[in-house]
Amino acid sequence: MFQFKKFSVNQDRCAMKIGTDGVLLGSWCPIDNNPFSVLDIGAGTGILSLMLAQRSNAEQIDAVEIDEDAYEQCVENFENSPWGDRLFCFHAGLDEFVEEPEDTYDLIISNPPFYSEDYKTENEQRDLARFQEALPFEELVEGADLLLSENGIFSVIIPYKEEERFIDLCAEIELFPIKVTRVKGTPTTEIKRSLLAFKRYELSTLTADELVVETARHQYTEEYIELTSAFYLKM
């Protein structure tokens, strides 16, 4: 069990465990449009939905998870949280979920699978959670376009090397970046991740910033502590 300040997450049945990426995205994604409804695509443990339940007043927080074990664990984590009445998980792939959309969402958030290389491991469940073919960026972007409300925000964390391609994919359907933060593990390492947020209108100017997680092992930067301190017990 992973214990946060206001909720806990069981993850023994999920291929992808809680990591820095998910906590970064859940802490960072903009909610200045005061979302009424949130959709978490590829929910896994449900960590993003739980973080958004803590951060926002959204009354409808839906999650979609294709893997059966992860889906069941996500439901359990929702039920055990203080916000169980606002959280709901669907056992489905995004392609099924968009076939009969009942709602649009003011915030769509995803920590998508992103190993696009051709190799596989022996663990099918982990492959599903981690390989891009399980949820290609094209499918994710198309789904976001179908499900995002007029003033909605679409927010993801992806490898930095995929940033330009992802922004181009979104531009094709007129979703434009409103906030970009590039993440480095330490001051001397290369940029590893991109945190991206999109809306349906283009800003005249967009400035990207950088976030460094640690100065040394377990020596977190003030910026990272400030971003995540509402969640981590020891921040």
C-alpha atoms as a PDB file:
ATOM      1  CA  MET A   1       0.000   0.000   0.000  1.00  0.00           C
ATOM      2  CA  PHE A   2       1.199   3.502  -0.863  1.00  0.00           C
ATOM      3  CA  GLN A   3       0.135   6.036   1.756  1.00  0.00           C
ATOM      4  CA  PHE A   4      -0.450   9.660   0.803  1.00  0.00           C
ATOM      5  CA  LYS A   5      -1.504  12.445   3.161  1.00  0.00           C
ATOM      6  CA  LYS A   6      -5.242  12.146   2.504  1.00  0.00           C
ATOM      7  CA  PHE A   7      -5.666   8.747   0.833  1.00  0.00           C
ATOM      8  CA  SER A   8      -3.955   5.412   0.324  1.00  0.00           C
ATOM      9  CA  VAL A   9      -3.485   3.315  -2.813  1.00  0.00           C
ATOM     10  CA  ASN A  10      -3.228  -0.448  -3.100  1.00  0.00           C
ATOM     11  CA  GLN A  11      -1.182  -1.434  -6.141  1.00  0.00           C
ATOM     12  CA  ASP A  12      -0.296  -5.119  -5.775  1.00  0.00           C
ATOM     13  CA  ARG A  13      -2.565  -6.083  -8.705  1.00  0.00           C
ATOM     14  CA  CYS A  14      -1.447  -3.280 -11.020  1.00  0.00           C
ATOM     15  CA  ALA A  15       1.369  -3.729 -13.518  1.00  0.00           C
ATOM     16  CA  MET A  16       2.409  -0.107 -13.293  1.00  0.00           C
ATOM     17  CA  LYS A  17       3.173   0.980  -9.760  1.00  0.00           C
ATOM     18  CA  ILE A  18       2.934   4.522  -8.477  1.00  0.00           C
ATOM     19  CA  GLY A  19       5.917   6.541  -9.629  1.00  0.00           C
ATOM     20  CA  THR A  20       7.148  10.073 -10.026  1.00  0.00           C
ATOM     21  CA  ASP A  21       5.421  10.529 -13.412  1.00  0.00           C
ATOM     22  CA  GLY A  22       1.902  10.043 -12.089  1.00  0.00           C
ATOM     23  CA  VAL A  23       2.411  12.174  -8.994  1.00  0.00           C
ATOM     24  CA  LEU A  24       3.978  14.928 -11.094  1.00  0.00           C
ATOM     25  CA  LEU A  25       1.063  14.990 -13.528  1.00  0.00           C
ATOM     26  CA  GLY A  26      -1.598  14.849 -10.823  1.00  0.00           C
ATOM     27  CA  SER A  27       0.063  17.724  -8.959  1.00  0.00           C
ATOM     28  CA  TRP A  28       0.895  19.830 -12.006  1.00  0.00           C
ATOM     29  CA  CYS A  29      -2.066  19.657 -14.367  1.00  0.00           C
ATOM     30  CA  PRO A  30      -3.984  22.953 -14.561  1.00  0.00           C
ATOM     31  CA  ILE A  31      -7.433  23.119 -12.946  1.00  0.00           C
ATOM     32  CA  ASP A  32      -7.948  26.861 -13.298  1.00  0.00           C
ATOM     33  CA  ASN A  33     -11.053  26.199 -15.399  1.00  0.00           C
ATOM     34  CA  ASN A  34     -12.682  24.761 -12.233  1.00  0.00           C
ATOM     35  CA  PRO A  35     -13.617  21.434 -13.837  1.00  0.00           C
ATOM     36  CA  PHE A  36     -17.020  19.981 -13.057  1.00  0.00           C
ATOM     37  CA  SER A  37     -16.134  16.709 -14.803  1.00  0.00           C
ATOM     38  CA  VAL A  38     -12.818  14.868 -15.104  1.00  0.00           C
ATOM     39  CA  LEU A  39     -11.791  11.847 -17.197  1.00  0.00           C
ATOM     40  CA  ASP A  40      -8.688   9.774 -16.374  1.00  0.00           C
ATOM     41  CA  ILE A  41      -7.667   7.647 -19.386  1.00  0.00           C
ATOM     42  CA  GLY A  42      -5.712   4.499 -18.524  1.00  0.00           C
ATOM     43  CA  ALA A  43      -6.308   4.887 -14.817  1.00  0.00           C
ATOM     44  CA  GLY A  44      -4.180   2.049 -13.430  1.00  0.00           C
ATOM     45  CA  THR A  45      -4.347   2.353  -9.635  1.00  0.00           C
ATOM     46  CA  GLY A  46      -6.589   5.433  -9.947  1.00  0.00           C
ATOM     47  CA  ILE A  47      -3.865   7.714  -8.577  1.00  0.00           C
ATOM     48  CA  LEU A  48      -4.600  10.616 -10.964  1.00  0.00           C
ATOM     49  CA  SER A  49      -8.338  10.527 -10.260  1.00  0.00           C
ATOM     50  CA  LEU A  50      -7.693  10.474  -6.514  1.00  0.00           C
ATOM     51  CA  MET A  51      -5.293  13.405  -6.737  1.00  0.00           C
ATOM     52  CA  LEU A  52      -7.802  15.403  -8.787  1.00  0.00           C
ATOM     53  CA  ALA A  53     -10.539  14.567  -6.272  1.00  0.00           C
ATOM     54  CA  GLN A  54      -8.313  16.059  -3.569  1.00  0.00           C
ATOM     55  CA  ARG A  55      -7.281  19.115  -5.616  1.00  0.00           C
ATOM     56  CA  SER A  56     -10.594  20.073  -7.218  1.00  0.00           C
ATOM     57  CA  ASN A  57     -14.307  20.378  -6.556  1.00  0.00           C
ATOM     58  CA  ALA A  58     -15.152  18.291  -9.619  1.00  0.00           C
ATOM     59  CA  GLU A  59     -18.383  16.425  -8.978  1.00  0.00           C
ATOM     60  CA  GLN A  60     -17.889  13.780 -11.679  1.00  0.00           C
ATOM     61  CA  ILE A  61     -14.526  12.013 -11.915  1.00  0.00           C
ATOM     62  CA  ASP A  62     -14.576   9.094 -14.343  1.00  0.00           C
ATOM     63  CA  ALA A  63     -11.708   6.714 -15.009  1.00  0.00           C
ATOM     64  CA  VAL A  64     -11.208   4.214 -17.842  1.00  0.00           C
ATOM     65  CA  GLU A  65      -9.015   1.123 -17.418  1.00  0.00           C
ATOM     66  CA  ILE A  66      -8.743  -1.814 -19.832  1.00  0.00           C
ATOM     67  CA  ASP A  67      -6.825  -4.300 -17.639  1.00  0.00           C
ATOM     68  CA  GLU A  68      -9.184  -6.307 -15.423  1.00  0.00           C
ATOM     69  CA  ASP A  69      -6.927  -6.561 -12.376  1.00  0.00           C
ATOM     70  CA  ALA A  70      -6.037  -2.881 -12.497  1.00  0.00           C
ATOM     71  CA  TYR A  71      -9.704  -1.967 -13.005  1.00  0.00           C
ATOM     72  CA  GLU A  72     -10.747  -3.963  -9.912  1.00  0.00           C
ATOM     73  CA  GLN A  73      -7.976  -2.420  -7.833  1.00  0.00           C
ATOM     74  CA  CYS A  74      -8.870   1.060  -9.056  1.00  0.00           C
ATOM     75  CA  VAL A  75     -12.494   0.546  -7.964  1.00  0.00           C
ATOM     76  CA  GLU A  76     -11.277  -0.662  -4.563  1.00  0.00           C
ATOM     77  CA  ASN A  77      -9.015   2.384  -4.163  1.00  0.00           C
ATOM     78  CA  PHE A  78     -11.889   4.702  -5.100  1.00  0.00           C
ATOM     79  CA  GLU A  79     -14.237   3.048  -2.601  1.00  0.00           C
ATOM     80  CA  ASN A  80     -11.659   3.308   0.185  1.00  0.00           C
ATOM     81  CA  SER A  81     -10.997   7.004  -0.443  1.00  0.00           C
ATOM     82  CA  PRO A  82     -12.780  10.012   1.126  1.00  0.00           C
ATOM     83  CA  TRP A  83     -14.287  10.836  -2.291  1.00  0.00           C
ATOM     84  CA  GLY A  84     -15.922   7.548  -3.283  1.00  0.00           C
ATOM     85  CA  ASP A  85     -19.186   9.272  -4.240  1.00  0.00           C
ATOM     86  CA  ARG A  86     -17.402  11.363  -6.905  1.00  0.00           C
ATOM     87  CA  LEU A  87     -15.251   8.621  -8.442  1.00  0.00           C
ATOM     88  CA  PHE A  88     -16.269   5.958 -10.971  1.00  0.00           C
ATOM     89  CA  CYS A  89     -14.173   3.557 -13.025  1.00  0.00           C
ATOM     90  CA  PHE A  90     -15.218   1.948 -16.331  1.00  0.00           C
ATOM     91  CA  HIS A  91     -13.718  -1.385 -17.396  1.00  0.00           C
ATOM     92  CA  ALA A  92     -13.087  -0.565 -21.043  1.00  0.00           C
ATOM     93  CA  GLY A  93     -10.542   0.543 -23.591  1.00  0.00           C
ATOM     94  CA  LEU A  94     -10.679   4.110 -24.837  1.00  0.00           C
ATOM     95  CA  ASP A  95     -11.891   2.872 -28.237  1.00  0.00           C
ATOM     96  CA  GLU A  96     -14.959   1.313 -26.563  1.00  0.00           C
ATOM     97  CA  PHE A  97     -15.512   4.280 -24.267  1.00  0.00           C
ATOM     98  CA  VAL A  98     -15.719   6.810 -27.117  1.00  0.00           C
ATOM     99  CA  GLU A  99     -18.235   4.777 -29.123  1.00  0.00           C
ATOM    100  CA  GLU A 100     -21.180   6.085 -27.142  1.00  0.00           C
ATOM    101  CA  PRO A 101     -19.986   9.161 -25.279  1.00  0.00           C
ATOM    102  CA  GLU A 102     -22.614  10.441 -22.879  1.00  0.00           C
ATOM    103  CA  ASP A 103     -20.676  13.441 -21.642  1.00  0.00           C
ATOM    104  CA  THR A 104     -17.862  15.782 -22.424  1.00  0.00           C
ATOM    105  CA  TYR A 105     -15.239  16.513 -19.788  1.00  0.00           C
ATOM    106  CA  ASP A 106     -13.726  19.752 -18.494  1.00  0.00           C
ATOM    107  CA  LEU A 107     -10.439  17.995 -17.746  1.00  0.00           C
ATOM    108  CA  ILE A 108      -8.996  14.938 -19.458  1.00  0.00           C
ATOM    109  CA  ILE A 109      -5.810  13.561 -17.942  1.00  0.00           C
ATOM    110  CA  SER A 110      -3.591  10.649 -18.932  1.00  0.00           C
ATOM    111  CA  ASN A 111      -0.240   9.103 -18.050  1.00  0.00           C
ATOM    112  CA  PRO A 112      -0.206   7.009 -21.225  1.00  0.00           C
ATOM    113  CA  PRO A 113       1.932   3.978 -22.064  1.00  0.00           C
ATOM    114  CA  PHE A 114       4.925   5.140 -24.011  1.00  0.00           C
ATOM    115  CA  TYR A 115       7.512   2.520 -24.878  1.00  0.00           C
ATOM    116  CA  SER A 116       7.195   2.540 -28.648  1.00  0.00           C
ATOM    117  CA  GLU A 117      10.141   0.197 -29.271  1.00  0.00           C
ATOM    118  CA  ASP A 118       9.526  -3.241 -30.790  1.00  0.00           C
ATOM    119  CA  TYR A 119      10.568  -5.413 -27.871  1.00  0.00           C
ATOM    120  CA  LYS A 120       8.292  -7.038 -25.298  1.00  0.00           C
ATOM    121  CA  THR A 121       8.838  -8.491 -21.857  1.00  0.00           C
ATOM    122  CA  GLU A 122       7.410 -11.768 -20.580  1.00  0.00           C
ATOM    123  CA  ASN A 123       4.813  -9.901 -18.525  1.00  0.00           C
ATOM    124  CA  GLU A 124       1.758  -9.234 -20.709  1.00  0.00           C
ATOM    125  CA  GLN A 125       0.034  -7.098 -18.077  1.00  0.00           C
ATOM    126  CA  ARG A 126       3.063  -4.829 -17.747  1.00  0.00           C
ATOM    127  CA  ASP A 127       3.437  -4.650 -21.534  1.00  0.00           C
ATOM    128  CA  LEU A 128      -0.174  -3.517 -21.840  1.00  0.00           C
ATOM    129  CA  ALA A 129       0.419  -0.772 -19.298  1.00  0.00           C
ATOM    130  CA  ARG A 130       3.733   0.339 -20.757  1.00  0.00           C
ATOM    131  CA  PHE A 131       3.744  -0.125 -24.543  1.00  0.00           C
ATOM    132  CA  GLN A 132       2.387   2.577 -26.756  1.00  0.00           C
ATOM    133  CA  GLU A 133       0.566   0.196 -29.093  1.00  0.00           C
ATOM    134  CA  ALA A 134      -1.891  -0.521 -26.252  1.00  0.00           C
ATOM    135  CA  LEU A 135      -2.950   3.140 -26.464  1.00  0.00           C
ATOM    136  CA  PRO A 136      -1.292   4.887 -29.416  1.00  0.00           C
ATOM    137  CA  PHE A 137      -0.877   8.637 -29.045  1.00  0.00           C
ATOM    138  CA  GLU A 138      -3.048   9.079 -32.147  1.00  0.00           C
ATOM    139  CA  GLU A 139      -5.924   7.244 -30.441  1.00  0.00           C
ATOM    140  CA  LEU A 140      -5.444   9.161 -27.206  1.00  0.00           C
ATOM    141  CA  VAL A 141      -5.492  12.537 -28.970  1.00  0.00           C
ATOM    142  CA  GLU A 142      -8.508  11.591 -31.081  1.00  0.00           C
ATOM    143  CA  GLY A 143     -10.377  10.437 -27.972  1.00  0.00           C
ATOM    144  CA  ALA A 144      -9.521  13.647 -26.152  1.00  0.00           C
ATOM    145  CA  ASP A 145     -10.871  15.689 -29.048  1.00  0.00           C
ATOM    146  CA  LEU A 146     -14.159  13.763 -28.997  1.00  0.00           C
ATOM    147  CA  LEU A 147     -14.596  13.963 -25.231  1.00  0.00           C
ATOM    148  CA  LEU A 148     -13.211  17.389 -24.285  1.00  0.00           C
ATOM    149  CA  SER A 149     -15.643  20.191 -23.491  1.00  0.00           C
ATOM    150  CA  GLU A 150     -15.372  23.532 -25.287  1.00  0.00           C
ATOM    151  CA  ASN A 151     -13.293  25.118 -22.532  1.00  0.00           C
ATOM    152  CA  GLY A 152     -11.749  21.869 -21.338  1.00  0.00           C
ATOM    153  CA  ILE A 153      -8.093  21.088 -20.620  1.00  0.00           C
ATOM    154  CA  PHE A 154      -6.269  17.967 -21.842  1.00  0.00           C
ATOM    155  CA  SER A 155      -3.152  17.131 -19.821  1.00  0.00           C
ATOM    156  CA  VAL A 156      -0.499  14.404 -20.205  1.00  0.00           C
ATOM    157  CA  ILE A 157       3.025  13.392 -19.232  1.00  0.00           C
ATOM    158  CA  ILE A 158       5.130  11.841 -22.003  1.00  0.00           C
ATOM    159  CA  PRO A 159       8.807  11.258 -22.835  1.00  0.00           C
ATOM    160  CA  TYR A 160      10.518  14.496 -23.825  1.00  0.00           C
ATOM    161  CA  LYS A 161      11.656  12.913 -27.098  1.00  0.00           C
ATOM    162  CA  GLU A 162       7.960  12.530 -28.070  1.00  0.00           C
ATOM    163  CA  GLU A 163       6.981  16.128 -27.190  1.00  0.00           C
ATOM    164  CA  GLU A 164       7.183  17.645 -30.669  1.00  0.00           C
ATOM    165  CA  ARG A 165       5.281  14.767 -32.290  1.00  0.00           C
ATOM    166  CA  PHE A 166       2.558  14.869 -29.631  1.00  0.00           C
ATOM    167  CA  ILE A 167       2.099  18.635 -29.978  1.00  0.00           C
ATOM    168  CA  ASP A 168       1.880  18.227 -33.761  1.00  0.00           C
ATOM    169  CA  LEU A 169      -0.771  15.491 -33.385  1.00  0.00           C
ATOM    170  CA  CYS A 170      -2.832  17.769 -31.164  1.00  0.00           C
ATOM    171  CA  ALA A 171      -2.439  20.709 -33.547  1.00  0.00           C
ATOM    172  CA  GLU A 172      -3.968  18.621 -36.344  1.00  0.00           C
ATOM    173  CA  ILE A 173      -7.251  18.566 -34.418  1.00  0.00           C
ATOM    174  CA  GLU A 174      -6.861  22.132 -33.128  1.00  0.00           C
ATOM    175  CA  LEU A 175      -5.759  21.384 -29.593  1.00  0.00           C
ATOM    176  CA  PHE A 176      -2.971  23.770 -28.628  1.00  0.00           C
ATOM    177  CA  PRO A 177      -0.491  23.816 -25.718  1.00  0.00           C
ATOM    178  CA  ILE A 178      -1.210  26.277 -22.916  1.00  0.00           C
ATOM    179  CA  LYS A 179       1.398  25.016 -20.426  1.00  0.00           C
ATOM    180  CA  VAL A 180       4.632  23.059 -20.913  1.00  0.00           C
ATOM    181  CA  THR A 181       7.049  21.898 -18.204  1.00  0.00           C
ATOM    182  CA  ARG A 182      10.100  19.785 -18.998  1.00  0.00           C
ATOM    183  CA  VAL A 183      11.339  17.512 -16.227  1.00  0.00           C
ATOM    184  CA  LYS A 184      14.922  16.575 -15.334  1.00  0.00           C
ATOM    185  CA  GLY A 185      15.904  14.057 -12.664  1.00  0.00           C
ATOM    186  CA  THR A 186      18.868  16.159 -11.493  1.00  0.00           C
ATOM    187  CA  PRO A 187      20.439  19.458 -12.632  1.00  0.00           C
ATOM    188  CA  THR A 188      23.047  17.615 -14.720  1.00  0.00           C
ATOM    189  CA  THR A 189      20.883  14.974 -16.408  1.00  0.00           C
ATOM    190  CA  GLU A 190      19.041  15.321 -19.702  1.00  0.00           C
ATOM    191  CA  ILE A 191      15.389  16.329 -19.892  1.00  0.00           C
ATOM    192  CA  LYS A 192      13.399  13.117 -19.435  1.00  0.00           C
ATOM    193  CA  ARG A 193       9.695  14.006 -19.438  1.00  0.00           C
ATOM    194  CA  SER A 194       7.339  16.654 -20.772  1.00  0.00           C
ATOM    195  CA  LEU A 195       4.242  17.767 -18.876  1.00  0.00           C
ATOM    196  CA  LEU A 196       1.785  19.176 -21.408  1.00  0.00           C
ATOM    197  CA  ALA A 197      -1.620  20.859 -21.144  1.00  0.00           C
ATOM    198  CA  PHE A 198      -3.816  21.738 -24.142  1.00  0.00           C
ATOM    199  CA  LYS A 199      -6.962  23.740 -24.891  1.00  0.00           C
ATOM    200  CA  ARG A 200      -9.012  24.423 -28.006  1.00  0.00           C
ATOM    201  CA  TYR A 201      -7.507  27.857 -28.595  1.00  0.00           C
ATOM    202  CA  GLU A 202      -3.969  28.951 -29.386  1.00  0.00           C
ATOM    203  CA  LEU A 203      -2.001  31.289 -27.120  1.00  0.00           C
ATOM    204  CA  SER A 204      -0.166  34.153 -28.800  1.00  0.00           C
ATOM    205  CA  THR A 205       2.934  33.254 -26.812  1.00  0.00           C
ATOM    206  CA  LEU A 206       3.787  30.086 -24.913  1.00  0.00           C
ATOM    207  CA  THR A 207       6.667  29.797 -22.498  1.00  0.00           C
ATOM    208  CA  ALA A 208       7.970  26.428 -21.362  1.00  0.00           C
ATOM    209  CA  ASP A 209       9.672  26.002 -18.004  1.00  0.00           C
ATOM    210  CA  GLU A 210      11.836  23.316 -16.435  1.00  0.00           C
ATOM    211  CA  LEU A 211      11.453  21.321 -13.243  1.00  0.00           C
ATOM    212  CA  VAL A 212      14.344  19.495 -11.562  1.00  0.00           C
ATOM    213  CA  VAL A 213      13.276  16.709  -9.180  1.00  0.00           C
ATOM    214  CA  GLU A 214      16.420  16.126  -7.092  1.00  0.00           C
ATOM    215  CA  THR A 215      19.794  17.738  -6.437  1.00  0.00           C
ATOM    216  CA  ALA A 216      21.083  14.380  -5.111  1.00  0.00           C
ATOM    217  CA  ARG A 217      19.503  11.043  -4.192  1.00  0.00           C
ATOM    218  CA  HIS A 218      16.405  11.820  -2.048  1.00  0.00           C
ATOM    219  CA  GLN A 219      17.440  15.488  -1.848  1.00  0.00           C
ATOM    220  CA  TYR A 220      14.427  17.060  -3.504  1.00  0.00           C
ATOM    221  CA  THR A 221      14.379  20.565  -4.961  1.00  0.00           C
ATOM    222  CA  GLU A 222      12.186  23.244  -3.411  1.00  0.00           C
ATOM    223  CA  GLU A 223      10.137  23.421  -6.617  1.00  0.00           C
ATOM    224  CA  TYR A 224       9.388  19.688  -6.538  1.00  0.00           C
ATOM    225  CA  ILE A 225       8.541  19.783  -2.820  1.00  0.00           C
ATOM    226  CA  GLU A 226       6.218  22.749  -3.356  1.00  0.00           C
ATOM    227  CA  LEU A 227       4.480  20.974  -6.247  1.00  0.00           C
ATOM    228  CA  THR A 228       3.923  17.640  -4.465  1.00  0.00           C
ATOM    229  CA  SER A 229       3.765  18.517  -0.768  1.00  0.00           C
ATOM    230  CA  ALA A 230      -0.041  18.286  -0.634  1.00  0.00           C
ATOM    231  CA  PHE A 231       0.285  14.569  -1.363  1.00  0.00           C
ATOM    232  CA  TYR A 232       3.536  12.996  -0.159  1.00  0.00           C
ATOM    233  CA  LEU A 233       3.643  12.182   3.546  1.00  0.00           C
ATOM    234  CA  LYS A 234       7.269  13.215   4.013  1.00  0.00           C
ATOM    235  CA  MET A 235       7.292  16.413   1.972  1.00  0.00           C
END
